[in-house]
N, C-alpha and C. Protein backbone atom coordinates (compact mmCIF):
# COMPACT_ATOMS: atom_id res chain seq x y z
N MET A 1 -4.88 130.05 -153.86
CA MET A 1 -5.34 130.03 -152.31
C MET A 1 -5.51 128.47 -151.81
N ARG A 2 -5.94 128.17 -152.67
CA ARG A 2 -5.99 126.70 -151.93
C ARG A 2 -4.37 125.99 -151.65
N ARG A 3 -3.47 126.04 -152.64
CA ARG A 3 -2.17 125.58 -152.41
C ARG A 3 -1.68 126.56 -151.58
N GLN A 4 -1.69 127.66 -151.46
CA GLN A 4 -1.00 128.40 -150.07
C GLN A 4 -1.22 127.98 -148.63
N THR A 5 -2.87 127.52 -148.40
CA THR A 5 -2.96 127.54 -147.10
C THR A 5 -2.47 125.88 -146.87
N TRP A 6 -2.45 124.65 -147.71
CA TRP A 6 -1.58 123.57 -147.49
C TRP A 6 0.05 123.53 -148.11
N GLN A 7 0.15 124.73 -148.31
CA GLN A 7 1.42 124.72 -148.70
C GLN A 7 2.21 125.18 -147.04
N THR A 8 1.58 126.16 -146.27
CA THR A 8 1.88 126.61 -144.96
C THR A 8 1.99 124.90 -144.01
N THR A 9 0.91 124.00 -144.48
CA THR A 9 0.93 122.90 -144.03
C THR A 9 2.12 122.34 -144.01
N ARG A 10 2.64 122.37 -145.08
CA ARG A 10 3.67 121.36 -145.37
C ARG A 10 5.16 121.99 -144.78
N GLN A 11 5.04 123.38 -145.18
CA GLN A 11 6.08 123.88 -144.23
C GLN A 11 6.40 124.15 -142.77
N GLY A 12 5.48 123.44 -142.32
CA GLY A 12 5.54 123.90 -140.55
C GLY A 12 6.50 123.17 -140.13
N SER A 13 6.79 123.93 -139.38
CA SER A 13 8.22 123.17 -138.43
C SER A 13 7.50 121.81 -137.38
N GLY A 14 8.64 121.38 -136.90
CA GLY A 14 8.37 120.61 -135.90
C GLY A 14 7.88 119.34 -135.88
N ARG A 15 6.85 118.72 -135.64
CA ARG A 15 6.10 117.87 -135.74
C ARG A 15 4.69 117.29 -137.37
N ALA A 16 4.94 118.47 -137.56
CA ALA A 16 4.10 118.84 -139.07
C ALA A 16 4.98 118.33 -139.98
N SER A 17 6.27 118.37 -139.83
CA SER A 17 7.01 118.43 -140.83
C SER A 17 6.88 116.97 -141.98
N PHE A 18 6.21 116.14 -141.50
CA PHE A 18 5.95 115.32 -142.40
C PHE A 18 4.88 115.02 -143.62
N ALA A 19 4.43 116.41 -143.33
CA ALA A 19 3.25 116.56 -144.39
C ALA A 19 4.03 117.38 -145.73
N ARG A 20 4.92 117.26 -145.12
CA ARG A 20 5.63 118.02 -146.77
C ARG A 20 5.80 116.36 -147.90
N ASP A 21 6.58 115.79 -147.41
CA ASP A 21 6.12 114.71 -148.08
C ASP A 21 5.35 114.11 -148.63
N MET A 22 4.06 114.03 -147.59
CA MET A 22 3.13 112.90 -147.51
C MET A 22 2.07 113.61 -148.32
N LEU A 23 2.17 114.93 -148.66
CA LEU A 23 1.26 115.66 -149.87
C LEU A 23 1.32 115.59 -151.19
N VAL A 24 2.66 115.06 -151.38
CA VAL A 24 3.00 114.91 -152.81
C VAL A 24 2.66 113.39 -153.12
N GLU A 25 3.14 112.29 -152.03
CA GLU A 25 2.55 110.96 -152.20
C GLU A 25 1.04 110.60 -152.13
N ASN A 26 0.44 111.19 -151.72
CA ASN A 26 -0.72 111.12 -151.16
C ASN A 26 -1.75 111.78 -152.62
N PHE A 27 -1.14 113.09 -152.48
CA PHE A 27 -2.33 113.30 -154.39
C PHE A 27 -2.12 111.89 -155.22
N PHE A 28 -0.49 111.59 -155.48
CA PHE A 28 -0.28 110.87 -156.88
C PHE A 28 -1.00 109.48 -156.33
N TRP A 29 -1.53 109.14 -154.90
CA TRP A 29 -1.96 107.88 -154.86
C TRP A 29 -3.49 108.43 -154.89
N THR A 30 -3.94 109.66 -155.01
CA THR A 30 -5.30 109.78 -155.20
C THR A 30 -5.75 109.62 -156.73
N VAL A 31 -4.70 110.49 -157.76
CA VAL A 31 -4.72 110.01 -158.76
C VAL A 31 -5.07 108.93 -159.52
N GLY A 32 -3.72 107.99 -158.94
CA GLY A 32 -4.31 106.90 -159.58
C GLY A 32 -6.32 106.24 -158.82
N GLY A 33 -6.67 106.60 -158.34
CA GLY A 33 -7.72 106.20 -158.18
C GLY A 33 -8.97 106.64 -158.96
N ASN A 34 -8.60 107.99 -159.18
CA ASN A 34 -9.43 109.29 -159.59
C ASN A 34 -8.75 110.16 -160.77
N PHE A 35 -8.54 109.42 -162.12
CA PHE A 35 -7.59 109.87 -162.81
C PHE A 35 -8.16 111.09 -163.62
N GLU A 36 -9.47 110.88 -163.75
CA GLU A 36 -10.75 111.83 -164.76
C GLU A 36 -10.79 113.06 -164.03
N PRO A 37 -10.77 114.07 -164.95
CA PRO A 37 -10.59 115.48 -164.67
C PRO A 37 -11.84 115.77 -163.97
N GLN A 38 -12.99 115.48 -163.65
CA GLN A 38 -14.15 115.47 -163.27
C GLN A 38 -14.11 115.02 -161.80
N PHE A 39 -12.97 114.49 -161.27
CA PHE A 39 -12.60 114.16 -159.93
C PHE A 39 -11.87 114.71 -159.15
N GLN A 40 -11.36 115.97 -159.66
CA GLN A 40 -10.19 117.13 -159.62
C GLN A 40 -10.70 117.43 -158.02
N CYS A 41 -11.71 117.97 -157.17
CA CYS A 41 -12.22 118.12 -156.13
C CYS A 41 -12.06 116.90 -155.27
N THR A 42 -12.53 115.53 -156.01
CA THR A 42 -12.14 114.64 -154.73
C THR A 42 -10.58 113.85 -154.88
N ARG A 43 -10.21 114.52 -155.72
CA ARG A 43 -8.91 114.12 -155.02
C ARG A 43 -8.10 115.28 -154.25
N ARG A 44 -8.47 116.29 -154.13
CA ARG A 44 -7.90 117.53 -153.59
C ARG A 44 -8.56 117.39 -151.94
N ILE A 45 -9.61 116.66 -152.22
CA ILE A 45 -10.26 116.60 -150.73
C ILE A 45 -9.51 115.10 -150.13
N THR A 46 -9.74 114.40 -150.89
CA THR A 46 -8.54 112.93 -150.03
C THR A 46 -7.13 113.26 -149.96
N THR A 47 -6.57 114.11 -150.55
CA THR A 47 -4.91 114.49 -150.19
C THR A 47 -5.02 115.54 -148.54
N LYS A 48 -6.00 116.28 -148.47
CA LYS A 48 -6.07 116.58 -147.52
C LYS A 48 -6.07 115.75 -146.15
N ILE A 49 -7.70 114.82 -146.60
CA ILE A 49 -7.87 113.90 -144.90
C ILE A 49 -6.85 113.30 -144.73
N THR A 50 -6.28 112.44 -145.54
CA THR A 50 -4.86 111.67 -145.50
C THR A 50 -3.93 111.88 -144.96
N ILE A 51 -3.82 113.65 -144.54
CA ILE A 51 -2.59 114.23 -144.14
C ILE A 51 -3.06 114.02 -142.47
N ILE A 52 -4.67 114.41 -142.45
CA ILE A 52 -5.36 114.51 -140.94
C ILE A 52 -5.02 112.93 -140.28
N ASP A 53 -5.53 112.31 -141.31
CA ASP A 53 -5.28 111.03 -140.84
C ASP A 53 -4.06 110.20 -140.19
N ASP A 54 -3.12 110.77 -141.17
CA ASP A 54 -1.50 110.39 -140.79
C ASP A 54 -1.50 111.19 -139.30
N ILE A 55 -1.57 112.04 -139.19
CA ILE A 55 -2.18 112.59 -137.43
C ILE A 55 -2.27 112.01 -136.62
N TYR A 56 -3.43 111.34 -137.00
CA TYR A 56 -4.29 110.33 -135.98
C TYR A 56 -3.58 108.92 -135.87
N ASP A 57 -3.28 108.66 -137.15
CA ASP A 57 -2.72 106.97 -136.90
C ASP A 57 -1.00 107.19 -136.54
N VAL A 58 -0.18 108.38 -136.70
CA VAL A 58 0.91 108.10 -136.69
C VAL A 58 1.43 109.33 -135.56
N TYR A 59 1.55 110.38 -135.95
CA TYR A 59 2.08 111.47 -135.29
C TYR A 59 1.81 112.17 -133.60
N GLY A 60 0.34 112.03 -133.52
CA GLY A 60 -0.36 112.90 -132.39
C GLY A 60 -0.55 112.07 -131.09
N THR A 61 -0.40 112.33 -130.09
CA THR A 61 -0.39 111.98 -128.68
C THR A 61 -1.75 111.75 -128.43
N LEU A 62 -2.51 110.56 -127.71
CA LEU A 62 -3.76 110.55 -127.31
C LEU A 62 -4.49 112.07 -126.96
N GLU A 63 -3.77 112.39 -125.97
CA GLU A 63 -4.07 114.39 -125.51
C GLU A 63 -4.40 115.36 -126.51
N GLU A 64 -3.18 114.95 -127.73
CA GLU A 64 -3.56 116.17 -128.29
C GLU A 64 -4.42 115.62 -129.42
N LEU A 65 -4.61 114.42 -129.77
CA LEU A 65 -5.49 114.08 -130.20
C LEU A 65 -7.17 114.33 -130.15
N ASP A 66 -7.24 113.85 -128.53
CA ASP A 66 -8.36 114.52 -128.09
C ASP A 66 -9.14 116.00 -127.84
N LEU A 67 -8.14 116.67 -128.09
CA LEU A 67 -7.98 118.67 -128.15
C LEU A 67 -8.41 118.38 -129.27
N PHE A 68 -7.67 118.09 -130.64
CA PHE A 68 -7.92 118.24 -131.87
C PHE A 68 -9.76 117.67 -132.19
N THR A 69 -10.22 116.48 -131.44
CA THR A 69 -11.35 115.81 -131.85
C THR A 69 -12.19 116.65 -131.29
N ASN A 70 -11.67 117.26 -130.09
CA ASN A 70 -13.03 118.06 -129.35
C ASN A 70 -13.34 119.58 -130.10
N ALA A 71 -11.96 120.12 -131.01
CA ALA A 71 -12.25 121.09 -131.79
C ALA A 71 -12.99 120.87 -133.00
N VAL A 72 -12.65 119.78 -133.61
CA VAL A 72 -13.19 119.46 -134.79
C VAL A 72 -14.90 119.48 -134.45
N GLU A 73 -15.11 118.77 -133.68
CA GLU A 73 -16.40 118.51 -133.20
C GLU A 73 -17.62 119.53 -132.87
N ARG A 74 -16.49 120.79 -132.39
CA ARG A 74 -17.04 122.03 -131.64
C ARG A 74 -17.46 122.80 -133.18
N TRP A 75 -16.06 122.74 -133.60
CA TRP A 75 -16.79 123.43 -135.21
C TRP A 75 -16.41 125.00 -135.36
N GLU A 76 -15.59 125.36 -133.90
CA GLU A 76 -15.13 127.10 -133.75
C GLU A 76 -14.08 127.22 -133.91
N PHE A 77 -13.72 128.47 -134.33
CA PHE A 77 -12.54 128.65 -134.53
C PHE A 77 -11.40 128.94 -133.40
N ARG A 78 -12.12 129.58 -132.12
CA ARG A 78 -12.01 129.83 -130.48
C ARG A 78 -11.13 127.97 -130.29
N ALA A 79 -11.67 127.28 -130.86
CA ALA A 79 -11.27 126.12 -130.11
C ALA A 79 -10.12 125.86 -130.44
N MET A 80 -9.42 126.51 -131.16
CA MET A 80 -7.85 126.53 -131.53
C MET A 80 -7.29 126.73 -130.75
N ASP A 81 -7.50 127.66 -130.02
CA ASP A 81 -6.57 128.01 -128.42
C ASP A 81 -6.03 127.16 -127.69
N GLN A 82 -6.72 125.69 -127.65
CA GLN A 82 -6.43 124.77 -126.74
C GLN A 82 -5.05 124.09 -127.86
N LEU A 83 -4.69 123.99 -128.99
CA LEU A 83 -4.41 123.19 -129.68
C LEU A 83 -2.99 123.78 -129.74
N LEU A 84 -1.83 122.46 -129.65
CA LEU A 84 -0.23 122.88 -130.48
C LEU A 84 -0.66 123.25 -131.66
N ASP A 85 0.91 123.98 -131.99
CA ASP A 85 0.93 124.97 -133.00
C ASP A 85 0.67 123.86 -134.30
N TYR A 86 1.41 122.91 -134.18
CA TYR A 86 1.18 121.74 -135.63
C TYR A 86 -0.30 121.40 -135.86
N ILE A 87 -0.77 121.19 -134.51
CA ILE A 87 -1.96 121.11 -135.24
C ILE A 87 -3.45 122.31 -134.90
N LYS A 88 -3.15 123.09 -134.74
CA LYS A 88 -3.74 124.38 -135.13
C LYS A 88 -3.28 124.79 -136.53
N VAL A 89 -2.50 124.39 -136.70
CA VAL A 89 -2.16 124.18 -138.41
C VAL A 89 -3.01 123.60 -139.14
N CYS A 90 -3.05 122.20 -138.73
CA CYS A 90 -4.03 121.10 -139.74
C CYS A 90 -5.43 122.07 -139.40
N PHE A 91 -6.07 121.90 -138.08
CA PHE A 91 -7.17 122.35 -138.05
C PHE A 91 -8.13 123.43 -138.19
N LEU A 92 -7.20 124.45 -138.98
CA LEU A 92 -7.39 125.72 -139.56
C LEU A 92 -7.21 125.61 -141.29
N CYS A 93 -6.64 124.56 -141.51
CA CYS A 93 -6.39 124.23 -142.62
C CYS A 93 -7.87 123.23 -143.34
N LEU A 94 -8.30 122.69 -142.29
CA LEU A 94 -9.74 121.84 -142.39
C LEU A 94 -10.70 122.75 -142.42
N LEU A 95 -10.60 123.67 -141.38
CA LEU A 95 -12.10 124.47 -141.23
C LEU A 95 -12.07 125.57 -142.56
N ASN A 96 -11.11 125.86 -143.23
CA ASN A 96 -10.64 126.71 -144.54
C ASN A 96 -11.15 125.89 -145.47
N SER A 97 -10.69 124.62 -145.60
CA SER A 97 -11.12 123.65 -147.20
C SER A 97 -12.48 123.56 -146.60
N ILE A 98 -12.98 122.80 -145.75
CA ILE A 98 -14.95 122.86 -145.60
C ILE A 98 -15.31 123.68 -146.41
N ASN A 99 -14.99 125.08 -145.75
CA ASN A 99 -15.44 126.92 -146.41
C ASN A 99 -15.21 126.39 -147.48
N GLU A 100 -14.30 126.46 -148.24
CA GLU A 100 -14.20 126.62 -149.41
C GLU A 100 -15.04 125.65 -150.28
N MET A 101 -14.84 124.13 -149.95
CA MET A 101 -15.97 123.37 -150.23
C MET A 101 -17.33 123.72 -150.52
N ALA A 102 -17.66 123.81 -149.79
CA ALA A 102 -19.06 124.50 -149.33
C ALA A 102 -19.45 125.67 -150.26
N TYR A 103 -18.53 126.40 -150.38
CA TYR A 103 -18.47 127.85 -151.08
C TYR A 103 -18.58 126.96 -153.03
N ASP A 104 -17.66 126.12 -153.31
CA ASP A 104 -17.78 125.76 -154.70
C ASP A 104 -18.82 125.40 -154.85
N VAL A 105 -20.06 124.40 -154.22
CA VAL A 105 -20.68 123.19 -154.08
C VAL A 105 -21.91 124.68 -154.18
N LEU A 106 -21.86 125.74 -153.18
CA LEU A 106 -23.05 126.80 -153.60
C LEU A 106 -22.70 127.76 -154.97
N ARG A 107 -21.55 127.78 -155.35
CA ARG A 107 -21.19 128.29 -156.52
C ARG A 107 -21.72 127.38 -157.65
N ASN A 108 -21.52 126.54 -157.67
CA ASN A 108 -21.72 125.11 -158.91
C ASN A 108 -22.91 125.13 -158.71
N ARG A 109 -24.10 125.27 -157.92
CA ARG A 109 -25.51 125.25 -157.96
C ARG A 109 -26.19 126.29 -159.24
N SER A 110 -25.68 127.25 -158.61
CA SER A 110 -26.49 128.86 -158.95
C SER A 110 -25.72 128.95 -160.32
N ARG A 111 -25.05 128.10 -161.19
CA ARG A 111 -24.69 128.29 -162.51
C ARG A 111 -25.74 127.78 -163.50
């Protein structure tokens, strides 16, 4: 399921298509710094965050990034309505990823 959500981002059309190549590159970059098996979660999170960082640094316009930042600060599903399609996908992936991480932490604490 995790792969499928970010696979959708990778296959995004238009302005988000850069993520297709960057996802693999960013993952290998994280493997170089955190290669031990216990850092699997760290590698996954860092890879995803780097894609969002690329949107901020290179691909998004100031207006688009203001809307995206506002949506993240509000942390509401309805905040997506104001975003362009390629940023909607990133916001939804971020929202789902954070929820998955919280679930994983809670599940691992109960063991």
